[in-house]
Every structure is written in structure tokens, then in C-alpha cells.
Amino acid sequence: MASLIKLLTALTVLRHADFRDEVTVSPRAVAAGRRGADAELRAGEHFTVRDLLAALLITSANDAAVALAEHVSG
């Protein structure tokens, strides 16, 4: 189930964000990473959407998923 949700997150991001957009990692995203697979992101770090999508799809990183979801949700 978690993998399906991550794929849906990736599809949503692809529809609503540009690969070059910059994303700032929130403390909430970091906390999500502590509950499973993570990319060891730190609050306040900046990444491109492209880099976070790679972390989401290759390593199934929960913290990257939340950072991306927050980015596209506003």
C-alpha cells in the first residue's frame, strides 16, 4: 500500500511542479523519515524536485515523499 501511495505522490508532483523547483525540507518531512525508509534529509535543507523524486522512487524515502507533498500542496 505504501508503495502505491508513493507512486501517486510522484504522479501528482509531476503534474504540479517543475523539476527545477526548489523544495525546503520541513521538520514534518524529517519526522516522517524516522518512521521507515528515508533519505536522511534535514530540516531546512534545499533540494530540487528532481532530486527528491529520485529519492522517492529509487529508495522509497518517506521524508522525500512528505517534502514533495508539502511543496505541491502549498
PDB file of N, CA and C in Angstrom:
ATOM      1  N   MET A   1       0.811  -1.190   0.000  1.00  0.00           N
ATOM      2  CA  MET A   1       0.000   0.000   0.000  1.00  0.00           C
ATOM      3  C   MET A   1       0.869   1.274   0.000  1.00  0.00           C
ATOM      4  N   ALA A   2       1.920   1.267   0.806  1.00  0.00           N
ATOM      5  CA  ALA A   2       2.783   2.458   0.893  1.00  0.00           C
ATOM      6  C   ALA A   2       3.438   2.763  -0.450  1.00  0.00           C
ATOM      7  N   SER A   3       3.823   1.735  -1.179  1.00  0.00           N
ATOM      8  CA  SER A   3       4.456   1.959  -2.486  1.00  0.00           C
ATOM      9  C   SER A   3       3.488   2.580  -3.470  1.00  0.00           C
ATOM     10  N   LEU A   4       2.242   2.167  -3.426  1.00  0.00           N
ATOM     11  CA  LEU A   4       1.224   2.743  -4.307  1.00  0.00           C
ATOM     12  C   LEU A   4       1.019   4.225  -3.986  1.00  0.00           C
ATOM     13  N   ILE A   5       0.974   4.557  -2.722  1.00  0.00           N
ATOM     14  CA  ILE A   5       0.806   5.950  -2.315  1.00  0.00           C
ATOM     15  C   ILE A   5       1.998   6.782  -2.772  1.00  0.00           C
ATOM     16  N   LYS A   6       3.193   6.227  -2.687  1.00  0.00           N
ATOM     17  CA  LYS A   6       4.381   6.952  -3.149  1.00  0.00           C
ATOM     18  C   LYS A   6       4.332   7.180  -4.657  1.00  0.00           C
ATOM     19  N   LEU A   7       3.856   6.197  -5.401  1.00  0.00           N
ATOM     20  CA  LEU A   7       3.708   6.386  -6.848  1.00  0.00           C
ATOM     21  C   LEU A   7       2.680   7.468  -7.160  1.00  0.00           C
ATOM     22  N   LEU A   8       1.576   7.476  -6.436  1.00  0.00           N
ATOM     23  CA  LEU A   8       0.566   8.523  -6.639  1.00  0.00           C
ATOM     24  C   LEU A   8       1.120   9.893  -6.256  1.00  0.00           C
ATOM     25  N   THR A   9       1.935   9.951  -5.220  1.00  0.00           N
ATOM     26  CA  THR A   9       2.596  11.209  -4.843  1.00  0.00           C
ATOM     27  C   THR A   9       3.496  11.681  -5.973  1.00  0.00           C
ATOM     28  N   ALA A  10       4.273  10.774  -6.538  1.00  0.00           N
ATOM     29  CA  ALA A  10       5.165  11.130  -7.646  1.00  0.00           C
ATOM     30  C   ALA A  10       4.375  11.639  -8.853  1.00  0.00           C
ATOM     31  N   LEU A  11       3.280  10.976  -9.195  1.00  0.00           N
ATOM     32  CA  LEU A  11       2.457  11.422 -10.325  1.00  0.00           C
ATOM     33  C   LEU A  11       1.869  12.805 -10.074  1.00  0.00           C
ATOM     34  N   THR A  12       1.427  13.057  -8.858  1.00  0.00           N
ATOM     35  CA  THR A  12       0.877  14.374  -8.513  1.00  0.00           C
ATOM     36  C   THR A  12       1.953  15.443  -8.637  1.00  0.00           C
ATOM     37  N   VAL A  13       3.136  15.151  -8.155  1.00  0.00           N
ATOM     38  CA  VAL A  13       4.245  16.104  -8.243  1.00  0.00           C
ATOM     39  C   VAL A  13       4.587  16.383  -9.708  1.00  0.00           C
ATOM     40  N   LEU A  14       4.616  15.359 -10.530  1.00  0.00           N
ATOM     41  CA  LEU A  14       4.928  15.542 -11.947  1.00  0.00           C
ATOM     42  C   LEU A  14       3.914  16.444 -12.644  1.00  0.00           C
ATOM     43  N   ARG A  15       2.674  16.413 -12.185  1.00  0.00           N
ATOM     44  CA  ARG A  15       1.627  17.246 -12.790  1.00  0.00           C
ATOM     45  C   ARG A  15       1.641  18.690 -12.291  1.00  0.00           C
ATOM     46  N   HIS A  16       2.153  18.916 -11.082  1.00  0.00           N
ATOM     47  CA  HIS A  16       2.013  20.231 -10.451  1.00  0.00           C
ATOM     48  C   HIS A  16       3.314  20.941 -10.107  1.00  0.00           C
ATOM     49  N   ALA A  17       4.444  20.372 -10.457  1.00  0.00           N
ATOM     50  CA  ALA A  17       5.722  21.016 -10.117  1.00  0.00           C
ATOM     51  C   ALA A  17       6.696  20.858 -11.284  1.00  0.00           C
ATOM     52  N   ASP A  18       7.666  21.712 -11.297  1.00  0.00           N
ATOM     53  CA  ASP A  18       8.734  21.670 -12.292  1.00  0.00           C
ATOM     54  C   ASP A  18       9.943  20.981 -11.671  1.00  0.00           C
ATOM     55  N   PHE A  19      10.677  20.210 -12.456  1.00  0.00           N
ATOM     56  CA  PHE A  19      11.864  19.513 -11.964  1.00  0.00           C
ATOM     57  C   PHE A  19      12.856  20.456 -11.301  1.00  0.00           C
ATOM     58  N   ARG A  20      12.890  21.712 -11.763  1.00  0.00           N
ATOM     59  CA  ARG A  20      13.880  22.663 -11.237  1.00  0.00           C
ATOM     60  C   ARG A  20      13.402  23.405  -9.994  1.00  0.00           C
ATOM     61  N   ASP A  21      12.146  23.243  -9.611  1.00  0.00           N
ATOM     62  CA  ASP A  21      11.648  23.905  -8.401  1.00  0.00           C
ATOM     63  C   ASP A  21      12.510  23.516  -7.209  1.00  0.00           C
ATOM     64  N   GLU A  22      12.706  24.483  -6.317  1.00  0.00           N
ATOM     65  CA  GLU A  22      13.463  24.217  -5.102  1.00  0.00           C
ATOM     66  C   GLU A  22      12.500  23.930  -3.962  1.00  0.00           C
ATOM     67  N   VAL A  23      12.808  22.894  -3.207  1.00  0.00           N
ATOM     68  CA  VAL A  23      11.973  22.472  -2.079  1.00  0.00           C
ATOM     69  C   VAL A  23      12.802  22.595  -0.809  1.00  0.00           C
ATOM     70  N   THR A  24      12.208  23.200   0.213  1.00  0.00           N
ATOM     71  CA  THR A  24      12.850  23.273   1.527  1.00  0.00           C
ATOM     72  C   THR A  24      12.253  22.176   2.404  1.00  0.00           C
ATOM     73  N   VAL A  25      13.092  21.373   2.992  1.00  0.00           N
ATOM     74  CA  VAL A  25      12.652  20.256   3.826  1.00  0.00           C
ATOM     75  C   VAL A  25      12.138  20.788   5.161  1.00  0.00           C
ATOM     76  N   SER A  26      10.957  20.338   5.545  1.00  0.00           N
ATOM     77  CA  SER A  26      10.357  20.778   6.807  1.00  0.00           C
ATOM     78  C   SER A  26      10.646  19.775   7.923  1.00  0.00           C
ATOM     79  N   PRO A  27      10.478  20.196   9.180  1.00  0.00           N
ATOM     80  CA  PRO A  27      10.628  19.252  10.293  1.00  0.00           C
ATOM     81  C   PRO A  27       9.618  18.095  10.194  1.00  0.00           C
ATOM     82  N   ARG A  28       8.452  18.370   9.656  1.00  0.00           N
ATOM     83  CA  ARG A  28       7.443  17.315   9.496  1.00  0.00           C
ATOM     84  C   ARG A  28       7.935  16.238   8.531  1.00  0.00           C
ATOM     85  N   ALA A  29       8.582  16.646   7.442  1.00  0.00           N
ATOM     86  CA  ALA A  29       9.126  15.676   6.483  1.00  0.00           C
ATOM     87  C   ALA A  29      10.221  14.830   7.137  1.00  0.00           C
ATOM     88  N   VAL A  30      11.070  15.468   7.915  1.00  0.00           N
ATOM     89  CA  VAL A  30      12.145  14.743   8.612  1.00  0.00           C
ATOM     90  C   VAL A  30      11.546  13.704   9.562  1.00  0.00           C
ATOM     91  N   ALA A  31      10.505  14.085  10.292  1.00  0.00           N
ATOM     92  CA  ALA A  31       9.850  13.160  11.223  1.00  0.00           C
ATOM     93  C   ALA A  31       9.262  11.961  10.489  1.00  0.00           C
ATOM     94  N   ALA A  32       8.731  12.170   9.303  1.00  0.00           N
ATOM     95  CA  ALA A  32       8.170  11.062   8.518  1.00  0.00           C
ATOM     96  C   ALA A  32       9.257  10.069   8.135  1.00  0.00           C
ATOM     97  N   GLY A  33      10.451  10.564   7.892  1.00  0.00           N
ATOM     98  CA  GLY A  33      11.558   9.693   7.532  1.00  0.00           C
ATOM     99  C   GLY A  33      11.987   8.789   8.667  1.00  0.00           C
ATOM    100  N   ARG A  34      11.732   9.202   9.868  1.00  0.00           N
ATOM    101  CA  ARG A  34      12.120   8.389  11.027  1.00  0.00           C
ATOM    102  C   ARG A  34      11.229   7.172  11.206  1.00  0.00           C
ATOM    103  N   ARG A  35      10.105   7.127  10.477  1.00  0.00           N
ATOM    104  CA  ARG A  35       9.160   6.020  10.602  1.00  0.00           C
ATOM    105  C   ARG A  35       9.288   5.025   9.447  1.00  0.00           C
ATOM    106  N   GLY A  36      10.454   4.855   8.915  1.00  0.00           N
ATOM    107  CA  GLY A  36      10.649   3.906   7.820  1.00  0.00           C
ATOM    108  C   GLY A  36      11.813   4.319   6.946  1.00  0.00           C
ATOM    109  N   ALA A  37      11.734   3.953   5.686  1.00  0.00           N
ATOM    110  CA  ALA A  37      12.810   4.293   4.745  1.00  0.00           C
ATOM    111  C   ALA A  37      12.941   5.811   4.636  1.00  0.00           C
ATOM    112  N   ASP A  38      14.179   6.293   4.605  1.00  0.00           N
ATOM    113  CA  ASP A  38      14.379   7.735   4.481  1.00  0.00           C
ATOM    114  C   ASP A  38      15.651   8.044   3.713  1.00  0.00           C
ATOM    115  N   ALA A  39      15.751   9.303   3.299  1.00  0.00           N
ATOM    116  CA  ALA A  39      16.938   9.778   2.583  1.00  0.00           C
ATOM    117  C   ALA A  39      17.828  10.594   3.514  1.00  0.00           C
ATOM    118  N   GLU A  40      17.536  10.529   4.807  1.00  0.00           N
ATOM    119  CA  GLU A  40      18.298  11.253   5.836  1.00  0.00           C
ATOM    120  C   GLU A  40      18.330  12.757   5.564  1.00  0.00           C
ATOM    121  N   LEU A  41      17.175  13.297   5.165  1.00  0.00           N
ATOM    122  CA  LEU A  41      17.062  14.731   4.945  1.00  0.00           C
ATOM    123  C   LEU A  41      17.068  15.455   6.283  1.00  0.00           C
ATOM    124  N   ARG A  42      17.496  16.715   6.260  1.00  0.00           N
ATOM    125  CA  ARG A  42      17.499  17.543   7.466  1.00  0.00           C
ATOM    126  C   ARG A  42      16.615  18.752   7.243  1.00  0.00           C
ATOM    127  N   ALA A  43      15.926  19.171   8.283  1.00  0.00           N
ATOM    128  CA  ALA A  43      15.055  20.339   8.193  1.00  0.00           C
ATOM    129  C   ALA A  43      15.862  21.548   7.748  1.00  0.00           C
ATOM    130  N   GLY A  44      15.304  22.292   6.798  1.00  0.00           N
ATOM    131  CA  GLY A  44      15.950  23.491   6.297  1.00  0.00           C
ATOM    132  C   GLY A  44      16.805  23.266   5.062  1.00  0.00           C
ATOM    133  N   GLU A  45      17.109  22.020   4.735  1.00  0.00           N
ATOM    134  CA  GLU A  45      17.889  21.746   3.526  1.00  0.00           C
ATOM    135  C   GLU A  45      17.055  22.062   2.289  1.00  0.00           C
ATOM    136  N   HIS A  46      17.735  22.384   1.201  1.00  0.00           N
ATOM    137  CA  HIS A  46      17.065  22.701  -0.063  1.00  0.00           C
ATOM    138  C   HIS A  46      17.468  21.676  -1.115  1.00  0.00           C
ATOM    139  N   PHE A  47      16.457  21.173  -1.834  1.00  0.00           N
ATOM    140  CA  PHE A  47      16.678  20.214  -2.910  1.00  0.00           C
ATOM    141  C   PHE A  47      15.777  20.574  -4.076  1.00  0.00           C
ATOM    142  N   THR A  48      16.147  20.102  -5.263  1.00  0.00           N
ATOM    143  CA  THR A  48      15.245  20.277  -6.402  1.00  0.00           C
ATOM    144  C   THR A  48      14.192  19.175  -6.354  1.00  0.00           C
ATOM    145  N   VAL A  49      13.086  19.446  -7.026  1.00  0.00           N
ATOM    146  CA  VAL A  49      12.033  18.442  -7.148  1.00  0.00           C
ATOM    147  C   VAL A  49      12.618  17.169  -7.769  1.00  0.00           C
ATOM    148  N   ARG A  50      13.464  17.353  -8.763  1.00  0.00           N
ATOM    149  CA  ARG A  50      14.078  16.202  -9.446  1.00  0.00           C
ATOM    150  C   ARG A  50      14.832  15.310  -8.460  1.00  0.00           C
ATOM    151  N   ASP A  51      15.642  15.905  -7.605  1.00  0.00           N
ATOM    152  CA  ASP A  51      16.427  15.124  -6.644  1.00  0.00           C
ATOM    153  C   ASP A  51      15.535  14.395  -5.643  1.00  0.00           C
ATOM    154  N   LEU A  52      14.489  15.073  -5.184  1.00  0.00           N
ATOM    155  CA  LEU A  52      13.590  14.436  -4.225  1.00  0.00           C
ATOM    156  C   LEU A  52      12.771  13.326  -4.877  1.00  0.00           C
ATOM    157  N   LEU A  53      12.396  13.509  -6.138  1.00  0.00           N
ATOM    158  CA  LEU A  53      11.690  12.440  -6.851  1.00  0.00           C
ATOM    159  C   LEU A  53      12.588  11.209  -6.986  1.00  0.00           C
ATOM    160  N   ALA A  54      13.854  11.428  -7.246  1.00  0.00           N
ATOM    161  CA  ALA A  54      14.786  10.298  -7.325  1.00  0.00           C
ATOM    162  C   ALA A  54      14.844   9.557  -5.992  1.00  0.00           C
ATOM    163  N   ALA A  55      14.927  10.292  -4.889  1.00  0.00           N
ATOM    164  CA  ALA A  55      14.951   9.669  -3.568  1.00  0.00           C
ATOM    165  C   ALA A  55      13.644   8.916  -3.296  1.00  0.00           C
ATOM    166  N   LEU A  56      12.545   9.509  -3.711  1.00  0.00           N
ATOM    167  CA  LEU A  56      11.239   8.885  -3.505  1.00  0.00           C
ATOM    168  C   LEU A  56      11.118   7.586  -4.300  1.00  0.00           C
ATOM    169  N   LEU A  57      11.482   7.626  -5.570  1.00  0.00           N
ATOM    170  CA  LEU A  57      11.247   6.480  -6.442  1.00  0.00           C
ATOM    171  C   LEU A  57      12.343   5.410  -6.372  1.00  0.00           C
ATOM    172  N   ILE A  58      13.562   5.791  -6.061  1.00  0.00           N
ATOM    173  CA  ILE A  58      14.647   4.810  -6.036  1.00  0.00           C
ATOM    174  C   ILE A  58      14.799   4.175  -4.657  1.00  0.00           C
ATOM    175  N   THR A  59      14.786   4.999  -3.617  1.00  0.00           N
ATOM    176  CA  THR A  59      14.997   4.457  -2.268  1.00  0.00           C
ATOM    177  C   THR A  59      13.718   4.390  -1.439  1.00  0.00           C
ATOM    178  N   SER A  60      12.591   4.810  -2.021  1.00  0.00           N
ATOM    179  CA  SER A  60      11.294   4.793  -1.338  1.00  0.00           C
ATOM    180  C   SER A  60      11.323   5.632  -0.060  1.00  0.00           C
ATOM    181  N   ALA A  61      11.954   6.787  -0.134  1.00  0.00           N
ATOM    182  CA  ALA A  61      12.179   7.638   1.034  1.00  0.00           C
ATOM    183  C   ALA A  61      10.901   8.363   1.483  1.00  0.00           C
ATOM    184  N   ASN A  62      10.486   8.078   2.702  1.00  0.00           N
ATOM    185  CA  ASN A  62       9.301   8.724   3.269  1.00  0.00           C
ATOM    186  C   ASN A  62       9.491  10.227   3.436  1.00  0.00           C
ATOM    187  N   ASP A  63      10.681  10.637   3.868  1.00  0.00           N
ATOM    188  CA  ASP A  63      10.920  12.062   4.087  1.00  0.00           C
ATOM    189  C   ASP A  63      10.842  12.845   2.773  1.00  0.00           C
ATOM    190  N   ALA A  64      11.336  12.268   1.697  1.00  0.00           N
ATOM    191  CA  ALA A  64      11.244  12.916   0.388  1.00  0.00           C
ATOM    192  C   ALA A  64       9.794  13.003  -0.071  1.00  0.00           C
ATOM    193  N   ALA A  65       9.019  11.952   0.209  1.00  0.00           N
ATOM    194  CA  ALA A  65       7.601  11.950  -0.176  1.00  0.00           C
ATOM    195  C   ALA A  65       6.846  13.091   0.502  1.00  0.00           C
ATOM    196  N   VAL A  66       7.073  13.263   1.789  1.00  0.00           N
ATOM    197  CA  VAL A  66       6.372  14.320   2.526  1.00  0.00           C
ATOM    198  C   VAL A  66       6.841  15.695   2.068  1.00  0.00           C
ATOM    199  N   ALA A  67       8.144  15.868   1.865  1.00  0.00           N
ATOM    200  CA  ALA A  67       8.655  17.168   1.391  1.00  0.00           C
ATOM    201  C   ALA A  67       8.018  17.529   0.057  1.00  0.00           C
ATOM    202  N   LEU A  68       7.908  16.573  -0.851  1.00  0.00           N
ATOM    203  CA  LEU A  68       7.292  16.826  -2.154  1.00  0.00           C
ATOM    204  C   LEU A  68       5.799  17.113  -2.024  1.00  0.00           C
ATOM    205  N   ALA A  69       5.125  16.342  -1.192  1.00  0.00           N
ATOM    206  CA  ALA A  69       3.686  16.556  -0.993  1.00  0.00           C
ATOM    207  C   ALA A  69       3.421  17.944  -0.428  1.00  0.00           C
ATOM    208  N   GLU A  70       4.218  18.368   0.520  1.00  0.00           N
ATOM    209  CA  GLU A  70       4.063  19.713   1.088  1.00  0.00           C
ATOM    210  C   GLU A  70       4.328  20.775   0.016  1.00  0.00           C
ATOM    211  N   HIS A  71       5.297  20.533  -0.824  1.00  0.00           N
ATOM    212  CA  HIS A  71       5.640  21.501  -1.874  1.00  0.00           C
ATOM    213  C   HIS A  71       4.474  21.722  -2.833  1.00  0.00           C
ATOM    214  N   VAL A  72       3.834  20.666  -3.278  1.00  0.00           N
ATOM    215  CA  VAL A  72       2.760  20.834  -4.258  1.00  0.00           C
ATOM    216  C   VAL A  72       1.421  21.198  -3.608  1.00  0.00           C
ATOM    217  N   SER A  73       1.290  20.965  -2.308  1.00  0.00           N
ATOM    218  CA  SER A  73       0.014  21.277  -1.665  1.00  0.00           C
ATOM    219  C   SER A  73      -0.079  22.738  -1.241  1.00  0.00           C
ATOM    220  N   GLY A  74       1.059  23.432  -1.205  1.00  0.00           N
ATOM    221  CA  GLY A  74       1.027  24.852  -0.876  1.00  0.00           C
ATOM    222  C   GLY A  74       1.090  25.143   0.582  1.00  0.00           C
TER     223      GLY A  74
END
